[in-house]
Amino acid sequence: KLVAGGGGGRGGGPRKDRPQYVGPDPVLGETYTGKITGIQKFGVFVEILPGAEDGSTPGLEGLVHVSELHTERIRNCEGFVR
């Protein structure tokens, strides 16, 4: 399960000063293969849909929560996904 958001941080909405993802919307229930872009204690960030090749717009990123990575408890996300 991936949670995709607006990337706005604590403000609750997308930041206006950053380029926004403009590609196709993800399909609910679809399985995607993605690239891990960040690792935190609470989960990993994954880019599931790429942005523009020239880097002018970002890809679509979301969070895979640590509880969704495995059926057993994971104490260290970094060690698990590497």
N, C-alpha and C. Protein backbone atom coordinates (compact mmCIF):
# COMPACT_ATOMS: atom_id res chain seq x y z
N LYS A 1 0.85 -1.18 0.00
CA LYS A 1 0.00 0.00 0.00
C LYS A 1 0.89 1.23 0.00
N LEU A 2 0.65 2.13 -0.92
CA LEU A 2 1.42 3.35 -1.06
C LEU A 2 0.50 4.53 -0.79
N VAL A 3 0.99 5.48 -0.02
CA VAL A 3 0.24 6.70 0.24
C VAL A 3 0.90 7.81 -0.55
N ALA A 4 0.22 8.31 -1.57
CA ALA A 4 0.77 9.40 -2.38
C ALA A 4 0.17 10.71 -1.93
N GLY A 5 1.00 11.70 -1.79
CA GLY A 5 0.50 12.98 -1.29
C GLY A 5 0.94 14.13 -2.15
N GLY A 6 0.57 15.33 -1.70
CA GLY A 6 0.88 16.54 -2.43
C GLY A 6 2.28 17.05 -2.21
N GLY A 7 3.00 16.48 -1.26
CA GLY A 7 4.36 16.91 -1.03
C GLY A 7 4.48 18.27 -0.39
N GLY A 8 3.49 18.68 0.36
CA GLY A 8 3.50 20.01 0.91
C GLY A 8 4.01 20.12 2.32
N GLY A 9 4.33 19.03 2.96
CA GLY A 9 4.81 19.09 4.33
C GLY A 9 3.67 19.38 5.30
N ARG A 10 3.93 20.18 6.33
CA ARG A 10 2.95 20.43 7.39
C ARG A 10 1.80 21.33 6.98
N GLY A 11 1.92 21.99 5.86
CA GLY A 11 0.90 22.96 5.44
C GLY A 11 -0.41 22.33 4.99
N GLY A 12 -0.43 21.06 4.70
CA GLY A 12 -1.65 20.38 4.32
C GLY A 12 -1.93 20.35 2.83
N GLY A 13 -1.21 21.08 2.03
CA GLY A 13 -1.44 21.09 0.59
C GLY A 13 -0.12 21.17 -0.15
N PRO A 14 -0.18 21.08 -1.47
CA PRO A 14 1.06 21.15 -2.24
C PRO A 14 1.70 22.53 -2.16
N ARG A 15 3.02 22.55 -2.17
CA ARG A 15 3.73 23.84 -2.16
C ARG A 15 3.61 24.47 -3.53
N LYS A 16 3.39 25.75 -3.56
CA LYS A 16 3.20 26.47 -4.82
C LYS A 16 4.52 26.77 -5.53
N ASP A 17 5.63 26.82 -4.79
CA ASP A 17 6.90 27.21 -5.39
C ASP A 17 7.69 26.05 -5.98
N ARG A 18 7.18 24.84 -5.93
CA ARG A 18 7.86 23.68 -6.49
C ARG A 18 7.09 23.16 -7.70
N PRO A 19 7.81 22.60 -8.68
CA PRO A 19 7.11 21.97 -9.81
C PRO A 19 6.27 20.80 -9.30
N GLN A 20 5.10 20.61 -9.86
CA GLN A 20 4.20 19.54 -9.45
C GLN A 20 4.18 18.44 -10.51
N TYR A 21 3.86 17.23 -10.06
CA TYR A 21 3.72 16.08 -10.96
C TYR A 21 2.56 16.35 -11.91
N VAL A 22 2.77 16.15 -13.21
CA VAL A 22 1.73 16.43 -14.21
C VAL A 22 1.39 15.23 -15.09
N GLY A 23 1.87 14.05 -14.73
CA GLY A 23 1.63 12.85 -15.53
C GLY A 23 0.28 12.23 -15.24
N PRO A 24 0.09 11.00 -15.70
CA PRO A 24 -1.19 10.30 -15.48
C PRO A 24 -1.40 9.98 -14.00
N ASP A 25 -2.65 9.91 -13.60
CA ASP A 25 -2.98 9.56 -12.22
C ASP A 25 -2.75 8.07 -12.00
N PRO A 26 -2.29 7.69 -10.80
CA PRO A 26 -2.14 6.26 -10.51
C PRO A 26 -3.51 5.61 -10.39
N VAL A 27 -3.56 4.32 -10.67
CA VAL A 27 -4.81 3.56 -10.62
C VAL A 27 -4.89 2.86 -9.26
N LEU A 28 -5.98 3.12 -8.54
CA LEU A 28 -6.17 2.51 -7.23
C LEU A 28 -6.22 1.00 -7.35
N GLY A 29 -5.45 0.31 -6.52
CA GLY A 29 -5.41 -1.15 -6.52
C GLY A 29 -4.38 -1.74 -7.46
N GLU A 30 -3.78 -0.91 -8.31
CA GLU A 30 -2.76 -1.37 -9.26
C GLU A 30 -1.44 -1.58 -8.51
N THR A 31 -0.62 -2.53 -8.97
CA THR A 31 0.70 -2.77 -8.41
C THR A 31 1.73 -2.07 -9.28
N TYR A 32 2.60 -1.29 -8.65
CA TYR A 32 3.63 -0.55 -9.38
C TYR A 32 5.01 -0.98 -8.90
N THR A 33 5.97 -0.94 -9.81
CA THR A 33 7.36 -1.12 -9.46
C THR A 33 7.97 0.26 -9.45
N GLY A 34 8.70 0.59 -8.38
CA GLY A 34 9.22 1.94 -8.29
C GLY A 34 10.65 1.98 -7.82
N LYS A 35 11.16 3.20 -7.75
CA LYS A 35 12.52 3.46 -7.32
C LYS A 35 12.48 4.08 -5.94
N ILE A 36 13.23 3.52 -5.01
CA ILE A 36 13.29 4.07 -3.65
C ILE A 36 14.05 5.38 -3.71
N THR A 37 13.41 6.45 -3.20
CA THR A 37 14.03 7.77 -3.22
C THR A 37 14.42 8.27 -1.84
N GLY A 38 13.93 7.59 -0.79
CA GLY A 38 14.27 8.00 0.56
C GLY A 38 13.90 6.92 1.56
N ILE A 39 14.69 6.84 2.63
CA ILE A 39 14.45 5.85 3.67
C ILE A 39 14.37 6.57 5.00
N GLN A 40 13.31 6.30 5.74
CA GLN A 40 13.09 6.88 7.07
C GLN A 40 12.79 5.75 8.05
N LYS A 41 12.76 6.06 9.34
CA LYS A 41 12.43 5.05 10.34
C LYS A 41 11.02 4.53 10.16
N PHE A 42 10.12 5.37 9.66
CA PHE A 42 8.70 5.02 9.55
C PHE A 42 8.33 4.40 8.20
N GLY A 43 9.27 4.32 7.27
CA GLY A 43 8.98 3.72 5.97
C GLY A 43 9.91 4.21 4.89
N VAL A 44 9.57 3.90 3.64
CA VAL A 44 10.39 4.33 2.51
C VAL A 44 9.55 5.12 1.52
N PHE A 45 10.18 6.11 0.89
CA PHE A 45 9.54 6.88 -0.16
C PHE A 45 9.91 6.25 -1.50
N VAL A 46 8.91 6.07 -2.36
CA VAL A 46 9.10 5.39 -3.63
C VAL A 46 8.51 6.23 -4.76
N GLU A 47 9.27 6.40 -5.83
CA GLU A 47 8.76 7.05 -7.03
C GLU A 47 8.13 5.97 -7.89
N ILE A 48 6.80 6.06 -8.10
CA ILE A 48 6.11 5.00 -8.86
C ILE A 48 5.83 5.40 -10.30
N LEU A 49 5.77 6.69 -10.57
CA LEU A 49 5.57 7.17 -11.94
C LEU A 49 6.61 8.25 -12.20
N PRO A 50 7.41 8.11 -13.26
CA PRO A 50 8.50 9.05 -13.49
C PRO A 50 8.01 10.42 -13.94
N GLY A 51 8.85 11.42 -13.69
CA GLY A 51 8.59 12.77 -14.17
C GLY A 51 9.17 12.94 -15.56
N ALA A 52 9.32 14.19 -15.97
CA ALA A 52 9.89 14.49 -17.28
C ALA A 52 11.35 14.08 -17.33
N GLU A 53 11.80 13.60 -18.48
CA GLU A 53 13.18 13.16 -18.64
C GLU A 53 14.17 14.30 -18.43
N ASP A 54 13.78 15.52 -18.76
CA ASP A 54 14.67 16.67 -18.61
C ASP A 54 14.69 17.22 -17.18
N GLY A 55 13.91 16.61 -16.29
CA GLY A 55 13.89 17.03 -14.90
C GLY A 55 13.02 18.24 -14.61
N SER A 56 12.27 18.71 -15.59
CA SER A 56 11.46 19.90 -15.40
C SER A 56 10.25 19.67 -14.50
N THR A 57 9.76 18.44 -14.43
CA THR A 57 8.67 18.10 -13.51
C THR A 57 9.03 16.81 -12.79
N PRO A 58 8.68 16.74 -11.50
CA PRO A 58 9.05 15.56 -10.71
C PRO A 58 8.15 14.36 -11.01
N GLY A 59 8.61 13.19 -10.60
CA GLY A 59 7.79 12.00 -10.69
C GLY A 59 6.81 11.95 -9.52
N LEU A 60 5.92 10.97 -9.54
CA LEU A 60 4.95 10.80 -8.46
C LEU A 60 5.55 9.89 -7.41
N GLU A 61 5.65 10.42 -6.19
CA GLU A 61 6.25 9.72 -5.07
C GLU A 61 5.20 9.44 -4.01
N GLY A 62 5.43 8.39 -3.28
CA GLY A 62 4.54 8.08 -2.16
C GLY A 62 5.31 7.37 -1.07
N LEU A 63 4.65 7.17 0.05
CA LEU A 63 5.25 6.52 1.21
C LEU A 63 4.73 5.10 1.34
N VAL A 64 5.64 4.16 1.52
CA VAL A 64 5.28 2.79 1.89
C VAL A 64 5.62 2.69 3.38
N HIS A 65 4.59 2.61 4.21
CA HIS A 65 4.79 2.57 5.65
C HIS A 65 5.51 1.30 6.06
N VAL A 66 6.30 1.39 7.14
CA VAL A 66 7.07 0.25 7.62
C VAL A 66 6.19 -0.98 7.86
N SER A 67 4.96 -0.79 8.29
CA SER A 67 4.06 -1.92 8.55
C SER A 67 3.62 -2.63 7.28
N GLU A 68 3.82 -1.99 6.10
CA GLU A 68 3.44 -2.59 4.82
C GLU A 68 4.62 -3.29 4.13
N LEU A 69 5.81 -3.20 4.69
CA LEU A 69 6.99 -3.77 4.04
C LEU A 69 7.10 -5.28 4.21
N HIS A 70 6.59 -5.81 5.32
CA HIS A 70 6.72 -7.23 5.61
C HIS A 70 5.66 -7.63 6.61
N THR A 71 5.36 -8.92 6.67
CA THR A 71 4.35 -9.39 7.61
C THR A 71 4.88 -9.42 9.04
N GLU A 72 6.19 -9.52 9.21
CA GLU A 72 6.80 -9.49 10.54
C GLU A 72 7.31 -8.08 10.82
N ARG A 73 7.51 -7.77 12.09
CA ARG A 73 7.96 -6.43 12.48
C ARG A 73 9.36 -6.14 11.95
N ILE A 74 9.52 -4.95 11.40
CA ILE A 74 10.82 -4.50 10.90
C ILE A 74 11.30 -3.37 11.81
N ARG A 75 12.49 -3.54 12.35
CA ARG A 75 13.03 -2.51 13.24
C ARG A 75 13.90 -1.51 12.51
N ASN A 76 14.45 -1.88 11.36
CA ASN A 76 15.37 -1.03 10.65
C ASN A 76 15.02 -1.05 9.16
N CYS A 77 14.33 -0.03 8.68
CA CYS A 77 13.93 0.03 7.27
C CYS A 77 15.14 0.02 6.33
N GLU A 78 16.17 0.77 6.71
CA GLU A 78 17.35 0.86 5.84
C GLU A 78 17.99 -0.50 5.63
N GLY A 79 18.17 -1.26 6.70
CA GLY A 79 18.76 -2.58 6.56
C GLY A 79 17.87 -3.55 5.80
N PHE A 80 16.57 -3.36 5.90
CA PHE A 80 15.62 -4.27 5.25
C PHE A 80 15.56 -4.05 3.74
N VAL A 81 15.55 -2.81 3.29
CA VAL A 81 15.37 -2.54 1.86
C VAL A 81 16.65 -2.55 1.05
N ARG A 82 17.78 -2.56 1.70
CA ARG A 82 19.06 -2.56 0.94
C ARG A 82 19.46 -3.93 0.57
